[in-house]
């Protein structure tokens, strides 16, 4: 189960992370939301994807696993698995997702918050004058 804020909560990525089919370059096109999360993860780790973020780095990624995303995945794999060329396939499967997930910030844990009664006291700074 993926735990990073960007990757967690997507069934397609969870499947690939547990050994299911890898997320790979189109065709056929993969699930756009899974690809968006991969693109966001790569960008968060410093990989430039200018064509995949048409509205700029602060905008939403396009969700298409094209040549640019493929090259960014390859660059990530070469950086993170320098002595394992068998990992350099440009596909996002178990090992690549595990490494991405480990490097990204964790999702905020939902905390149970117990609400306590609130006491309010009103204080005024009004001066009262005696009648003249």
C-alpha atoms as a PDB file:
ATOM      1  CA  UNK A   1       0.000   0.000   0.000  1.00  0.00           C
ATOM      2  CA  UNK A   2       1.427   3.361  -1.025  1.00  0.00           C
ATOM      3  CA  UNK A   3       1.760   5.944   1.740  1.00  0.00           C
ATOM      4  CA  UNK A   4       3.011   9.181   0.190  1.00  0.00           C
ATOM      5  CA  UNK A   5       0.672  12.140  -0.114  1.00  0.00           C
ATOM      6  CA  UNK A   6       0.884  12.108  -3.917  1.00  0.00           C
ATOM      7  CA  UNK A   7       0.649   8.383  -4.651  1.00  0.00           C
ATOM      8  CA  UNK A   8      -1.613   7.028  -1.885  1.00  0.00           C
ATOM      9  CA  UNK A   9      -5.259   6.280  -2.521  1.00  0.00           C
ATOM     10  CA  UNK A  10      -5.157   5.303  -6.203  1.00  0.00           C
ATOM     11  CA  UNK A  11      -6.268   1.733  -6.919  1.00  0.00           C
ATOM     12  CA  UNK A  12      -4.337   1.534 -10.207  1.00  0.00           C
ATOM     13  CA  UNK A  13      -1.058   2.548  -8.522  1.00  0.00           C
ATOM     14  CA  UNK A  14      -1.705   0.245  -5.566  1.00  0.00           C
ATOM     15  CA  UNK A  15      -2.165  -2.615  -8.025  1.00  0.00           C
ATOM     16  CA  UNK A  16       1.102  -1.850  -9.818  1.00  0.00           C
ATOM     17  CA  UNK A  17       2.901  -1.446  -6.480  1.00  0.00           C
ATOM     18  CA  UNK A  18       1.796  -4.906  -5.392  1.00  0.00           C
ATOM     19  CA  UNK A  19       3.017  -6.607  -8.559  1.00  0.00           C
ATOM     20  CA  UNK A  20       0.087  -6.020 -10.902  1.00  0.00           C
ATOM     21  CA  UNK A  21       0.453  -4.588 -14.406  1.00  0.00           C
ATOM     22  CA  UNK A  22       2.936  -1.738 -14.649  1.00  0.00           C
ATOM     23  CA  UNK A  23       1.941   1.787 -15.649  1.00  0.00           C
ATOM     24  CA  UNK A  24       3.612   2.414 -18.989  1.00  0.00           C
ATOM     25  CA  UNK A  25       3.833   4.572 -22.039  1.00  0.00           C
ATOM     26  CA  UNK A  26       0.831   4.676 -24.359  1.00  0.00           C
ATOM     27  CA  UNK A  27      -0.550   3.052 -26.431  1.00  0.00           C
ATOM     28  CA  UNK A  28      -2.797   1.942 -24.967  1.00  0.00           C
ATOM     29  CA  UNK A  29      -3.356   4.911 -22.706  1.00  0.00           C
ATOM     30  CA  UNK A  30      -3.263   4.108 -19.002  1.00  0.00           C
ATOM     31  CA  UNK A  31      -5.562   5.520 -16.320  1.00  0.00           C
ATOM     32  CA  UNK A  32      -5.058   9.328 -16.489  1.00  0.00           C
ATOM     33  CA  UNK A  33      -5.325   9.858 -12.721  1.00  0.00           C
ATOM     34  CA  UNK A  34      -2.580   7.301 -12.041  1.00  0.00           C
ATOM     35  CA  UNK A  35      -0.365   8.936 -14.667  1.00  0.00           C
ATOM     36  CA  UNK A  36      -1.076  12.414 -13.212  1.00  0.00           C
ATOM     37  CA  UNK A  37       0.100  11.228  -9.817  1.00  0.00           C
ATOM     38  CA  UNK A  38       3.279   9.781 -11.320  1.00  0.00           C
ATOM     39  CA  UNK A  39       3.901  13.065 -13.138  1.00  0.00           C
ATOM     40  CA  UNK A  40       3.320  15.030  -9.912  1.00  0.00           C
ATOM     41  CA  UNK A  41       5.690  12.727  -8.026  1.00  0.00           C
ATOM     42  CA  UNK A  42       8.428  13.142 -10.616  1.00  0.00           C
ATOM     43  CA  UNK A  43       7.994  16.920 -10.637  1.00  0.00           C
ATOM     44  CA  UNK A  44       8.097  17.009  -6.823  1.00  0.00           C
ATOM     45  CA  UNK A  45      11.420  15.172  -6.981  1.00  0.00           C
ATOM     46  CA  UNK A  46      12.902  17.707  -9.393  1.00  0.00           C
ATOM     47  CA  UNK A  47      12.279  16.193 -12.817  1.00  0.00           C
ATOM     48  CA  UNK A  48      11.212  18.773 -15.407  1.00  0.00           C
ATOM     49  CA  UNK A  49       8.051  17.920 -17.342  1.00  0.00           C
ATOM     50  CA  UNK A  50       7.164  21.154 -19.170  1.00  0.00           C
ATOM     51  CA  UNK A  51       4.983  19.539 -21.856  1.00  0.00           C
ATOM     52  CA  UNK A  52       3.136  17.402 -19.297  1.00  0.00           C
ATOM     53  CA  UNK A  53       2.231  20.491 -17.252  1.00  0.00           C
ATOM     54  CA  UNK A  54       0.663  22.691 -19.971  1.00  0.00           C
ATOM     55  CA  UNK A  55      -0.409  25.406 -17.486  1.00  0.00           C
ATOM     56  CA  UNK A  56       3.059  25.514 -15.899  1.00  0.00           C
ATOM     57  CA  UNK A  57       4.572  23.778 -12.868  1.00  0.00           C
ATOM     58  CA  UNK A  58       1.833  25.021 -10.543  1.00  0.00           C
ATOM     59  CA  UNK A  59      -0.908  23.672 -12.822  1.00  0.00           C
ATOM     60  CA  UNK A  60      -2.307  20.180 -13.224  1.00  0.00           C
ATOM     61  CA  UNK A  61      -0.429  17.576 -15.262  1.00  0.00           C
ATOM     62  CA  UNK A  62      -2.047  16.229 -18.429  1.00  0.00           C
ATOM     63  CA  UNK A  63      -2.254  12.565 -17.334  1.00  0.00           C
ATOM     64  CA  UNK A  64      -0.724  11.245 -20.563  1.00  0.00           C
ATOM     65  CA  UNK A  65       2.170   8.794 -20.345  1.00  0.00           C
ATOM     66  CA  UNK A  66       3.938  10.032 -23.452  1.00  0.00           C
ATOM     67  CA  UNK A  67       7.583  10.453 -24.429  1.00  0.00           C
ATOM     68  CA  UNK A  68       8.329  13.155 -21.859  1.00  0.00           C
ATOM     69  CA  UNK A  69       6.934  11.185 -18.917  1.00  0.00           C
ATOM     70  CA  UNK A  70       8.697   8.046 -20.174  1.00  0.00           C
ATOM     71  CA  UNK A  71      12.036   9.909 -20.305  1.00  0.00           C
ATOM     72  CA  UNK A  72      11.490  11.350 -16.820  1.00  0.00           C
ATOM     73  CA  UNK A  73      10.757   7.855 -15.457  1.00  0.00           C
ATOM     74  CA  UNK A  74      13.943   6.570 -17.120  1.00  0.00           C
ATOM     75  CA  UNK A  75      15.970   9.428 -15.627  1.00  0.00           C
ATOM     76  CA  UNK A  76      14.502   8.683 -12.193  1.00  0.00           C
ATOM     77  CA  UNK A  77      15.281   4.968 -12.536  1.00  0.00           C
ATOM     78  CA  UNK A  78      18.871   5.655 -13.636  1.00  0.00           C
ATOM     79  CA  UNK A  79      19.359   7.993 -10.687  1.00  0.00           C
ATOM     80  CA  UNK A  80      17.785   5.733  -8.088  1.00  0.00           C
ATOM     81  CA  UNK A  81      19.014   2.365  -9.382  1.00  0.00           C
ATOM     82  CA  UNK A  82      22.470   3.299 -10.735  1.00  0.00           C
ATOM     83  CA  UNK A  83      23.890  -0.228 -10.576  1.00  0.00           C
ATOM     84  CA  UNK A  84      20.715  -1.989 -11.713  1.00  0.00           C
ATOM     85  CA  UNK A  85      20.258  -1.373 -15.453  1.00  0.00           C
ATOM     86  CA  UNK A  86      17.555  -4.040 -15.474  1.00  0.00           C
ATOM     87  CA  UNK A  87      15.387  -1.450 -13.634  1.00  0.00           C
ATOM     88  CA  UNK A  88      15.778   1.123 -16.441  1.00  0.00           C
ATOM     89  CA  UNK A  89      12.711   0.298 -18.500  1.00  0.00           C
ATOM     90  CA  UNK A  90      10.665   3.510 -18.299  1.00  0.00           C
ATOM     91  CA  UNK A  91       7.753   1.615 -16.748  1.00  0.00           C
ATOM     92  CA  UNK A  92       6.311   2.299 -13.324  1.00  0.00           C
ATOM     93  CA  UNK A  93       5.920  -0.934 -11.421  1.00  0.00           C
ATOM     94  CA  UNK A  94       6.647  -2.347  -7.990  1.00  0.00           C
ATOM     95  CA  UNK A  95      10.260  -1.179  -7.533  1.00  0.00           C
ATOM     96  CA  UNK A  96       9.883   2.253  -9.102  1.00  0.00           C
ATOM     97  CA  UNK A  97       6.704   2.970  -7.117  1.00  0.00           C
ATOM     98  CA  UNK A  98       8.316   1.781  -3.893  1.00  0.00           C
ATOM     99  CA  UNK A  99      11.250   4.141  -4.410  1.00  0.00           C
ATOM    100  CA  UNK A 100       9.019   7.085  -5.409  1.00  0.00           C
ATOM    101  CA  UNK A 101       6.810   6.453  -2.387  1.00  0.00           C
ATOM    102  CA  UNK A 102       9.799   6.317  -0.041  1.00  0.00           C
ATOM    103  CA  UNK A 103      11.202   9.637  -1.306  1.00  0.00           C
ATOM    104  CA  UNK A 104       7.957  11.621  -1.203  1.00  0.00           C
ATOM    105  CA  UNK A 105       6.369  13.202   1.893  1.00  0.00           C
ATOM    106  CA  UNK A 106       3.858  10.996   3.686  1.00  0.00           C
ATOM    107  CA  UNK A 107       0.135  11.618   3.585  1.00  0.00           C
ATOM    108  CA  UNK A 108      -1.134  13.376   6.686  1.00  0.00           C
ATOM    109  CA  UNK A 109      -2.575  10.868   9.097  1.00  0.00           C
ATOM    110  CA  UNK A 110      -6.151  11.522  10.011  1.00  0.00           C
ATOM    111  CA  UNK A 111      -6.174  12.429  13.643  1.00  0.00           C
ATOM    112  CA  UNK A 112      -9.064  11.855  15.945  1.00  0.00           C
ATOM    113  CA  UNK A 113      -9.888  15.177  17.505  1.00  0.00           C
ATOM    114  CA  UNK A 114     -12.087  15.354  20.553  1.00  0.00           C
ATOM    115  CA  UNK A 115     -13.909  18.638  20.774  1.00  0.00           C
ATOM    116  CA  UNK A 116     -14.050  20.256  24.196  1.00  0.00           C
ATOM    117  CA  UNK A 117     -16.696  22.716  25.378  1.00  0.00           C
ATOM    118  CA  UNK A 118     -15.684  26.308  24.847  1.00  0.00           C
ATOM    119  CA  UNK A 119     -16.205  28.977  27.484  1.00  0.00           C
ATOM    120  CA  UNK A 120     -16.491  32.540  26.267  1.00  0.00           C
ATOM    121  CA  UNK A 121     -16.316  35.627  28.425  1.00  0.00           C
ATOM    122  CA  UNK A 122     -17.112  39.044  27.019  1.00  0.00           C
ATOM    123  CA  UNK A 123     -15.013  41.952  28.194  1.00  0.00           C
ATOM    124  CA  UNK A 124     -15.779  45.512  27.251  1.00  0.00           C
ATOM    125  CA  UNK A 125     -13.725  48.647  27.555  1.00  0.00           C
ATOM    126  CA  UNK A 126     -16.692  51.038  27.755  1.00  0.00           C
ATOM    127  CA  UNK A 127     -16.502  53.862  30.210  1.00  0.00           C
ATOM    128  CA  UNK A 128     -19.644  54.785  32.114  1.00  0.00           C
ATOM    129  CA  UNK A 129     -20.118  58.458  33.010  1.00  0.00           C
ATOM    130  CA  UNK A 130     -22.220  59.659  35.809  1.00  0.00           C
ATOM    131  CA  UNK A 131     -24.984  62.065  34.850  1.00  0.00           C
ATOM    132  CA  UNK A 132     -23.975  65.702  35.232  1.00  0.00           C
END
